[in-house]
Amino acid sequence: MSTRSHQGCWTCKRRRRRCDNARPSCQNCSERGAACEGYEVRLRWGTGIASRGHFTGADKPVKNTMPPRQRGRQRDLSRERRRRVELERDSALDGSRELELAVSQRVEDEVLFNESRDSMLHPRLPQLCQESSALYSICIAFQLALSSTVSSQFCEYFDTALRTFRSELACSTTLSDGTLTSGLLLCSIGLMHGLPWTIHLEGMHNILQSHGLDDLHRQSTQNHFRIHLLEVMGVMDLTCLSVGRQAPEIGIWRRYCQPVIPRYGIEPVSGLPRTLLDIFAGIGAETTEQTLWDWPGEPGSFLQCYLWEAHRLAGILTVRKQANPSTPIPDNNISAWRQSAKCPADTYVLVARILASLNALRLATAECPAEDVFINNATLFPMFVAGLEVGVLCHKPEWKQTIRKGLLDSHQCGILFSLLEELWQKEDPNLNVHELARRRGLEMGLL
């Protein structure tokens, strides 16, 4: 009895006969005259379904179960759909990351915006921001401007604020309090960083003047906040409180502030009495050295008295330098007191007294740091004016060190001190600091 062959040809397997596995056809088939069907592997399983392997679930051999390849157009469309799905998924991920960054930036902006609020603007900022679209970014840029370095973030916010404000100013027919506040903060940023700012004062003044600014003192009902903003404009407009000024002084303090604002009390931005600012506003006109020398002062704290004394004496040096910028250091005789327009003290004494007052102020604030936390910010004008006296300082190098220590660690003070350093190195009393600043493209403020 023949047995089933598992390795024979297909003919012997079908007939259940023993095969001798001869190639190319078996001997058994040849002897019987039957056609040998060969030994090739066949993939055929009738109506059954493959349960495992690469063809799991198929009910036909491989050649019949493989789907035909798509034509070119269909293949490209399918590939494009897959690519679109992947791009949408990536875009969704990028969008979520951008949203997270935007939320984080918004939180950081809110922190900077809240830090920029002072006691006077704090309750008004919501309303002012509604009146001025530029105010929010200007407040953030102003806070960033207080740093001792210029960051890319500051430049970004300042450019946005400047562009928005100029567009807003060009479209203003009546200057709102919000737009005026934006302009004054923008000027403050400019005078701290040496960027052009007096041009914005001119633009705001022109709009205000076209809407009855000259008649402000005759108005029965006056907006006290608007008067405060006008007063800030007046202080910024004072030529003696700027370096390298590009636009001429408008005369805002003398023309608008003096007739309207009561002539007593302290102007909050400069920290100076209004009566002293009246005299400063007259520098270049009727104010003389004797006017400042005779100023009686006003009641205030010890710290304020030190500060006001330094400003009064610095004002005398400013008047003296404008009258005769090439005047050498006088000798110790005091015959000049007989001349009614001149202060009896010589330049050497004035510089010494200015630096002494500022040094006393520095020591006093160190002992009482909580008494007036902002008063040291107001020492820039007298410190810088004393530093301009090159003829005196070349004989007193230790005073240069006093000025170097007295200037605060800020970007503004760094620029101003670099101007003083150049003056000291050249030791030329005729060198004009304003021309030196303009050659550098700087328009600084001493506030």
Protein backbone atom coordinates (compact mmCIF):
# COMPACT_ATOMS: atom_id res chain seq x y z
CA MET A 1 0.00 0.00 0.00
CA SER A 2 1.43 3.31 -1.00
CA THR A 3 1.75 6.06 1.50
CA ARG A 4 1.06 9.80 1.13
CA SER A 5 4.01 11.85 -0.02
CA HIS A 6 4.61 15.20 1.58
CA GLN A 7 7.59 16.19 -0.58
CA GLY A 8 6.76 14.69 -4.01
CA CYS A 9 5.36 16.27 -7.11
CA TRP A 10 1.82 17.54 -7.22
CA THR A 11 0.67 14.60 -9.38
CA CYS A 12 1.88 11.98 -6.91
CA LYS A 13 0.42 13.95 -4.02
CA ARG A 14 -2.97 14.11 -5.63
CA ARG A 15 -2.91 10.34 -6.40
CA ARG A 16 -1.45 9.58 -2.99
CA ARG A 17 1.51 7.71 -4.47
CA ARG A 18 5.14 7.61 -3.42
CA CYS A 19 7.24 10.00 -5.54
CA ASP A 20 10.95 9.55 -6.26
CA ASN A 21 11.44 13.36 -6.41
CA ALA A 22 13.28 13.15 -9.72
CA ARG A 23 13.80 16.48 -11.56
CA PRO A 24 12.47 17.96 -13.77
CA SER A 25 9.70 15.27 -13.65
CA CYS A 26 9.40 12.24 -11.43
CA GLN A 27 10.09 8.73 -12.76
CA ASN A 28 6.75 7.36 -11.59
CA CYS A 29 4.82 9.79 -13.72
CA SER A 30 7.08 9.04 -16.72
CA GLU A 31 6.58 5.29 -16.44
CA ARG A 32 2.80 5.66 -16.27
CA GLY A 33 2.79 8.20 -19.08
CA ALA A 34 1.19 10.87 -16.83
CA ALA A 35 2.14 14.55 -17.00
CA CYS A 36 4.18 15.51 -13.93
CA GLU A 37 2.79 18.72 -12.42
CA GLY A 38 6.14 19.66 -10.83
CA TYR A 39 7.20 20.73 -7.38
CA GLU A 40 6.48 24.53 -7.25
CA VAL A 41 4.86 26.01 -4.14
CA ARG A 42 1.21 26.92 -4.71
CA LEU A 43 -0.74 29.61 -2.81
CA ARG A 44 -4.27 28.39 -3.07
CA TRP A 45 -6.78 27.65 -0.37
CA GLY A 46 -10.19 27.63 -1.94
CA THR A 47 -12.83 29.53 0.08
CA GLY A 48 -10.89 29.48 3.33
CA ILE A 49 -9.44 32.61 5.01
CA ALA A 50 -5.83 32.94 6.16
CA SER A 51 -5.68 33.22 9.94
CA ARG A 52 -2.11 34.40 10.35
CA GLY A 53 0.91 35.78 8.54
CA HIS A 54 1.16 38.62 6.04
CA PHE A 55 -2.14 37.63 4.33
CA THR A 56 -4.29 37.38 7.46
CA GLY A 57 -7.92 37.70 6.51
CA ALA A 58 -7.35 37.17 2.74
CA ASP A 59 -9.29 34.49 0.91
CA LYS A 60 -7.16 34.55 -2.30
CA PRO A 61 -3.49 34.05 -3.11
CA VAL A 62 -1.07 36.96 -2.96
CA LYS A 63 -1.34 37.94 -6.60
CA ASN A 64 -5.06 38.30 -6.32
CA THR A 65 -5.25 39.83 -2.82
CA MET A 66 -2.79 42.74 -3.39
CA PRO A 67 -4.76 45.87 -4.44
CA PRO A 68 -3.80 47.33 -7.80
CA ARG A 69 -1.48 50.37 -7.66
CA GLN A 70 -3.30 53.69 -7.93
CA ARG A 71 -2.90 55.69 -11.04
CA GLY A 72 -0.68 58.80 -10.88
CA ARG A 73 -3.41 61.41 -10.26
CA GLN A 74 -5.09 59.37 -7.54
CA ARG A 75 -1.76 58.61 -5.92
CA ASP A 76 -0.83 62.33 -5.83
CA LEU A 77 -4.21 63.29 -4.40
CA SER A 78 -3.91 60.68 -1.70
CA ARG A 79 -0.40 61.84 -0.85
CA GLU A 80 -1.59 65.46 -0.78
CA ARG A 81 -4.41 64.56 1.61
CA ARG A 82 -1.97 62.85 3.95
CA ARG A 83 0.34 65.86 3.80
CA ARG A 84 -2.55 68.23 4.51
CA VAL A 85 -3.59 66.21 7.53
CA GLU A 86 -0.02 66.29 8.85
CA LEU A 87 0.24 70.04 8.25
CA GLU A 88 -3.05 70.67 10.04
CA ARG A 89 -1.85 68.62 12.98
CA ASP A 90 1.48 70.51 13.08
CA SER A 91 -0.33 73.84 12.69
CA ALA A 92 -2.60 72.99 15.60
CA LEU A 93 0.45 72.23 17.73
CA ASP A 94 2.18 75.47 16.64
CA GLY A 95 -1.00 77.41 17.31
CA SER A 96 -1.22 76.05 20.82
CA ARG A 97 2.43 76.99 21.43
CA GLU A 98 1.85 80.48 20.01
CA LEU A 99 -1.20 80.85 22.21
CA GLU A 100 0.82 79.87 25.27
CA LEU A 101 3.52 82.41 24.33
CA ALA A 102 0.91 85.10 23.71
CA VAL A 103 -0.71 84.47 27.08
CA SER A 104 2.69 84.54 28.79
CA GLN A 105 3.60 87.80 27.02
CA ARG A 106 0.25 89.30 27.98
CA VAL A 107 0.83 88.47 31.65
CA GLU A 108 4.32 90.02 31.49
CA ASP A 109 2.89 93.14 29.83
CA GLU A 110 0.27 93.49 32.54
CA VAL A 111 2.96 93.28 35.23
CA LEU A 112 5.01 96.03 33.55
CA PHE A 113 1.91 98.14 32.96
CA ASN A 114 0.89 97.94 36.62
CA GLU A 115 4.42 98.81 37.74
CA SER A 116 4.35 101.98 35.62
CA ARG A 117 1.40 103.44 37.51
CA ASP A 118 2.23 106.34 39.79
CA SER A 119 -0.02 107.83 42.47
CA MET A 120 -1.56 110.44 40.17
CA LEU A 121 -2.14 108.30 37.08
CA HIS A 122 -3.27 105.13 38.86
CA PRO A 123 -7.00 105.95 39.21
CA ARG A 124 -7.14 107.57 35.76
CA LEU A 125 -5.33 104.99 33.63
CA PRO A 126 -8.41 102.94 32.59
CA GLN A 127 -10.15 106.04 31.23
CA LEU A 128 -6.95 107.44 29.72
CA CYS A 129 -6.25 104.15 27.90
CA GLN A 130 -9.72 104.36 26.35
CA GLU A 131 -8.91 107.85 25.08
CA SER A 132 -5.48 106.89 23.70
CA SER A 133 -4.65 103.67 21.86
CA ALA A 134 -0.93 104.39 22.29
CA LEU A 135 -0.92 104.78 26.07
CA TYR A 136 -0.78 101.08 27.01
CA SER A 137 2.37 100.31 25.00
CA ILE A 138 3.92 103.64 26.01
CA CYS A 139 3.48 102.77 29.70
CA ILE A 140 5.22 99.42 29.15
CA ALA A 141 8.01 101.06 27.12
CA PHE A 142 8.43 103.68 29.87
CA GLN A 143 8.86 100.99 32.52
CA LEU A 144 11.42 99.17 30.34
CA ALA A 145 13.21 102.50 29.77
CA LEU A 146 14.04 102.72 33.48
CA SER A 147 16.55 99.88 33.07
CA SER A 148 20.26 100.71 32.86
CA THR A 149 20.51 98.88 29.51
CA VAL A 150 18.60 99.12 26.25
CA SER A 151 16.91 95.77 25.52
CA SER A 152 15.41 94.52 22.28
CA GLN A 153 12.07 94.31 24.08
CA PHE A 154 12.25 98.04 24.88
CA CYS A 155 13.10 98.90 21.26
CA GLU A 156 10.13 96.83 20.06
CA TYR A 157 7.65 98.49 22.41
CA PHE A 158 9.10 101.97 21.84
CA ASP A 159 8.82 101.63 18.05
CA THR A 160 5.21 100.48 18.38
CA ALA A 161 4.40 103.27 20.83
CA LEU A 162 6.06 105.93 18.68
CA ARG A 163 4.29 104.79 15.51
CA THR A 164 0.90 104.58 17.23
CA PHE A 165 1.27 107.95 18.94
CA ARG A 166 2.31 109.78 15.77
CA SER A 167 -0.66 108.33 13.94
CA GLU A 168 -2.92 109.27 16.82
CA LEU A 169 -1.51 112.81 16.99
CA ALA A 170 -1.95 113.30 13.24
CA CYS A 171 -5.64 112.36 13.51
CA SER A 172 -6.35 114.45 16.65
CA THR A 173 -8.50 117.50 16.22
CA THR A 174 -8.87 118.06 19.96
CA LEU A 175 -6.08 116.67 22.13
CA SER A 176 -7.58 114.38 24.80
CA ASP A 177 -6.05 113.91 28.23
CA GLY A 178 -5.11 110.36 27.20
CA THR A 179 -3.22 111.46 24.10
CA LEU A 180 -1.54 114.28 26.04
CA THR A 181 -0.47 111.80 28.74
CA SER A 182 0.87 109.47 26.05
CA GLY A 183 2.90 112.30 24.54
CA LEU A 184 4.42 113.35 27.85
CA LEU A 185 5.41 109.78 28.73
CA LEU A 186 6.91 109.41 25.25
CA CYS A 187 8.90 112.62 25.82
CA SER A 188 10.08 111.20 29.14
CA ILE A 189 11.38 108.09 27.39
CA GLY A 190 13.15 110.25 24.82
CA LEU A 191 14.87 112.52 27.33
CA MET A 192 16.08 109.48 29.29
CA HIS A 193 17.56 107.73 26.26
CA GLY A 194 18.77 110.63 24.16
CA LEU A 195 16.04 110.15 21.53
CA PRO A 196 14.31 113.13 19.83
CA TRP A 197 11.48 114.33 22.04
CA THR A 198 11.01 118.11 21.80
CA ILE A 199 9.33 117.60 18.43
CA HIS A 200 6.46 115.88 20.26
CA LEU A 201 6.13 118.87 22.60
CA GLU A 202 5.79 121.13 19.58
CA GLY A 203 3.16 118.91 17.99
CA MET A 204 1.03 118.75 21.15
CA HIS A 205 1.43 122.48 21.74
CA ASN A 206 0.27 123.31 18.21
CA ILE A 207 -2.92 121.26 18.64
CA LEU A 208 -3.61 122.74 22.09
CA GLN A 209 -3.01 126.26 20.83
CA SER A 210 -5.45 125.78 17.97
CA HIS A 211 -8.16 124.98 20.53
CA GLY A 212 -7.94 127.94 22.87
CA LEU A 213 -4.81 127.29 24.94
CA ASP A 214 -4.12 131.03 25.08
CA ASP A 215 -7.50 131.54 26.78
CA LEU A 216 -6.94 128.90 29.44
CA HIS A 217 -6.44 131.44 32.23
CA ARG A 218 -9.82 133.03 31.39
CA GLN A 219 -11.80 129.80 31.65
CA SER A 220 -14.04 129.67 34.72
CA THR A 221 -14.05 125.86 34.96
CA GLN A 222 -10.63 124.33 34.63
CA ASN A 223 -9.68 120.67 34.42
CA HIS A 224 -7.16 120.22 37.24
CA PHE A 225 -5.64 117.11 35.66
CA ARG A 226 -5.26 118.96 32.34
CA ILE A 227 -3.53 121.80 34.21
CA HIS A 228 -1.17 119.26 35.80
CA LEU A 229 -0.33 117.84 32.37
CA LEU A 230 0.25 121.37 31.07
CA GLU A 231 2.56 122.01 34.02
CA VAL A 232 4.58 118.90 33.17
CA MET A 233 4.85 120.17 29.59
CA GLY A 234 6.09 123.49 30.95
CA VAL A 235 8.84 121.84 33.01
CA MET A 236 9.98 119.70 30.08
CA ASP A 237 10.04 122.79 27.87
CA LEU A 238 12.59 124.63 30.05
CA THR A 239 15.80 124.92 28.03
CA CYS A 240 18.04 124.81 31.10
CA LEU A 241 16.75 121.30 31.91
CA SER A 242 17.83 119.80 28.57
CA VAL A 243 21.06 118.98 26.74
CA GLY A 244 21.45 119.10 22.97
CA ARG A 245 17.93 120.44 22.50
CA GLN A 246 16.89 120.33 18.84
CA ALA A 247 13.76 122.52 18.91
CA PRO A 248 13.63 126.02 20.45
CA GLU A 249 11.86 126.60 23.75
CA ILE A 250 8.15 127.31 23.39
CA GLY A 251 7.75 129.17 26.68
CA ILE A 252 4.91 127.02 27.99
CA TRP A 253 5.63 127.65 31.67
CA ARG A 254 5.76 131.43 31.40
CA ARG A 255 2.86 131.78 28.95
CA TYR A 256 0.39 129.27 30.35
CA CYS A 257 1.41 127.93 33.77
CA GLN A 258 2.27 131.12 35.61
CA PRO A 259 -1.06 132.88 34.84
CA VAL A 260 -3.19 129.81 35.68
CA ILE A 261 -1.56 127.75 38.43
CA PRO A 262 -1.37 129.17 41.97
CA ARG A 263 2.18 130.38 42.69
CA TYR A 264 2.84 128.20 45.70
CA GLY A 265 3.48 124.57 46.49
CA ILE A 266 5.75 121.96 44.90
CA GLU A 267 5.56 120.85 41.28
CA PRO A 268 5.35 117.03 41.63
CA VAL A 269 7.45 115.92 38.63
CA SER A 270 10.55 118.07 39.23
CA GLY A 271 10.16 118.23 43.01
CA LEU A 272 10.89 121.99 42.90
CA PRO A 273 8.85 124.90 44.28
CA ARG A 274 6.82 126.66 41.60
CA THR A 275 8.35 130.00 42.59
CA LEU A 276 11.81 128.63 41.78
CA LEU A 277 10.54 127.25 38.47
CA ASP A 278 9.21 130.73 37.67
CA ILE A 279 12.78 132.01 37.96
CA PHE A 280 14.18 129.11 35.91
CA ALA A 281 11.64 129.87 33.18
CA GLY A 282 13.12 133.36 32.92
CA ILE A 283 16.70 132.15 32.26
CA GLY A 284 17.71 133.67 28.96
CA ALA A 285 15.25 136.54 29.48
CA GLU A 286 14.87 138.63 32.66
CA THR A 287 16.35 136.22 35.22
CA THR A 288 19.79 137.24 36.50
CA GLU A 289 22.29 135.71 38.89
CA GLN A 290 21.05 138.07 41.56
CA THR A 291 17.46 136.92 41.04
CA LEU A 292 18.44 133.39 41.98
CA TRP A 293 20.77 134.53 44.73
CA ASP A 294 17.92 136.52 46.32
CA TRP A 295 15.35 133.72 46.12
CA PRO A 296 14.16 133.37 49.73
CA GLY A 297 13.27 129.69 49.49
CA GLU A 298 10.17 127.93 50.78
CA PRO A 299 9.43 125.76 53.80
CA GLY A 300 10.18 122.09 53.28
CA SER A 301 11.94 119.10 54.74
CA PHE A 302 15.71 119.04 55.25
CA LEU A 303 16.07 116.84 52.16
CA GLN A 304 14.06 119.27 50.05
CA CYS A 305 16.10 122.22 51.31
CA TYR A 306 19.35 120.50 50.26
CA LEU A 307 17.86 119.81 46.83
CA TRP A 308 16.50 123.31 46.29
CA GLU A 309 19.75 124.91 47.38
CA ALA A 310 21.69 122.84 44.84
CA HIS A 311 19.23 123.83 42.09
CA ARG A 312 19.36 127.52 42.98
CA LEU A 313 23.16 127.60 42.83
CA ALA A 314 23.20 125.50 39.64
CA GLY A 315 20.80 128.04 38.12
CA ILE A 316 23.31 130.81 38.87
CA LEU A 317 26.05 128.86 37.06
CA THR A 318 23.69 128.35 34.11
CA VAL A 319 22.96 132.09 33.85
CA ARG A 320 26.66 132.87 34.20
CA LYS A 321 27.68 130.41 31.46
CA GLN A 322 25.06 131.80 29.07
CA ALA A 323 26.25 135.36 29.68
CA ASN A 324 29.94 134.58 29.14
CA PRO A 325 30.75 130.93 28.40
CA SER A 326 34.51 131.53 28.24
CA THR A 327 34.84 133.29 31.61
CA PRO A 328 37.89 131.92 33.52
CA ILE A 329 37.81 131.09 37.22
CA PRO A 330 37.79 134.43 39.07
CA ASP A 331 40.10 135.10 41.97
CA ASN A 332 38.95 135.21 45.57
CA ASN A 333 38.05 138.91 45.66
CA ILE A 334 34.33 139.53 46.05
CA SER A 335 34.06 142.99 44.57
CA ALA A 336 31.48 141.62 42.17
CA TRP A 337 28.81 141.82 44.88
CA ARG A 338 28.44 145.55 44.09
CA GLN A 339 27.04 144.67 40.66
CA SER A 340 23.31 144.18 41.21
CA ALA A 341 22.89 141.61 38.40
CA LYS A 342 25.65 139.28 39.58
CA CYS A 343 25.96 136.84 42.44
CA PRO A 344 28.86 137.68 44.80
CA ALA A 345 30.08 134.07 44.97
CA ASP A 346 32.64 132.96 42.38
CA THR A 347 32.29 129.79 40.30
CA TYR A 348 34.66 127.78 42.51
CA VAL A 349 32.53 128.47 45.59
CA LEU A 350 29.29 127.74 43.78
CA VAL A 351 30.52 124.34 42.56
CA ALA A 352 31.75 123.50 46.06
CA ARG A 353 28.42 124.44 47.64
CA ILE A 354 26.43 122.50 45.03
CA LEU A 355 28.44 119.33 45.60
CA ALA A 356 28.29 119.85 49.39
CA SER A 357 24.48 120.11 49.28
CA LEU A 358 24.18 117.02 47.09
CA ASN A 359 26.57 115.05 49.30
CA ALA A 360 24.58 116.05 52.39
CA LEU A 361 21.41 114.97 50.58
CA ARG A 362 22.98 111.60 49.75
CA LEU A 363 24.04 110.99 53.36
CA ALA A 364 20.66 112.08 54.70
CA THR A 365 18.74 109.73 52.38
CA ALA A 366 21.06 106.90 53.45
CA GLU A 367 20.10 107.52 57.09
CA CYS A 368 16.38 107.97 56.33
CA PRO A 369 15.72 105.87 53.19
CA ALA A 370 11.95 105.86 53.65
CA GLU A 371 11.52 109.62 54.02
CA ASP A 372 11.54 110.49 50.28
CA VAL A 373 12.38 107.58 48.02
CA PHE A 374 12.35 109.67 44.82
CA ILE A 375 14.31 112.74 45.86
CA ASN A 376 17.64 111.42 44.56
CA ASN A 377 16.10 111.25 41.09
CA ALA A 378 15.91 115.07 41.09
CA THR A 379 19.66 115.66 41.59
CA LEU A 380 20.60 115.26 37.92
CA PHE A 381 20.43 118.94 36.94
CA PRO A 382 22.69 120.40 39.65
CA MET A 383 25.13 117.47 39.43
CA PHE A 384 25.50 117.85 35.66
CA VAL A 385 25.79 121.65 35.78
CA ALA A 386 28.57 121.38 38.38
CA GLY A 387 30.34 118.86 36.13
CA LEU A 388 30.32 121.35 33.26
CA GLU A 389 32.75 123.62 35.12
CA VAL A 390 35.85 122.08 33.55
CA GLY A 391 38.13 124.89 34.70
CA VAL A 392 37.27 124.20 38.34
CA LEU A 393 37.30 120.41 38.16
CA CYS A 394 40.70 120.20 36.49
CA HIS A 395 42.10 121.67 39.73
CA LYS A 396 39.91 119.48 41.95
CA PRO A 397 40.00 115.91 40.56
CA GLU A 398 38.42 114.53 43.75
CA TRP A 399 35.27 116.47 42.88
CA LYS A 400 35.05 114.52 39.64
CA GLN A 401 34.87 111.37 41.72
CA THR A 402 32.04 112.92 43.77
CA ILE A 403 30.10 113.59 40.57
CA ARG A 404 30.86 110.10 39.28
CA LYS A 405 29.44 108.56 42.47
CA GLY A 406 26.50 110.95 42.57
CA LEU A 407 25.14 110.07 39.14
CA LEU A 408 22.64 107.25 39.40
CA ASP A 409 23.13 103.88 37.73
CA SER A 410 20.83 104.43 34.75
CA HIS A 411 21.12 104.59 30.98
CA GLN A 412 20.41 108.32 31.09
CA CYS A 413 23.17 109.04 33.61
CA GLY A 414 25.58 106.86 31.65
CA ILE A 415 25.08 108.97 28.52
CA LEU A 416 25.37 112.26 30.42
CA PHE A 417 28.50 111.13 32.24
CA SER A 418 30.10 110.15 28.93
CA LEU A 419 29.56 113.75 27.76
CA LEU A 420 31.21 115.05 30.94
CA GLU A 421 34.13 112.63 30.54
CA GLU A 422 34.79 113.97 27.03
CA LEU A 423 34.72 117.54 28.32
CA TRP A 424 37.13 116.69 31.14
CA GLN A 425 39.53 114.88 28.83
CA LYS A 426 39.72 117.77 26.36
CA GLU A 427 39.90 120.39 29.18
CA ASP A 428 38.52 123.02 26.85
CA PRO A 429 36.28 125.51 28.71
CA ASN A 430 34.96 126.81 25.39
CA LEU A 431 33.68 123.39 24.25
CA ASN A 432 29.87 123.53 24.16
CA VAL A 433 28.21 120.46 25.63
CA HIS A 434 25.06 121.05 23.57
CA GLU A 435 26.98 120.97 20.30
CA LEU A 436 28.81 117.87 21.54
CA ALA A 437 25.47 116.14 22.22
CA ARG A 438 24.04 117.15 18.83
CA ARG A 439 27.06 115.74 17.03
CA ARG A 440 26.26 112.43 18.72
CA GLY A 441 22.60 112.74 17.75
CA LEU A 442 21.51 113.04 21.39
CA GLU A 443 18.68 115.08 22.86
CA MET A 444 18.85 114.54 26.62
CA GLY A 445 16.85 115.80 29.57
CA LEU A 446 18.01 116.62 33.09
CA LEU A 447 14.82 115.38 34.77
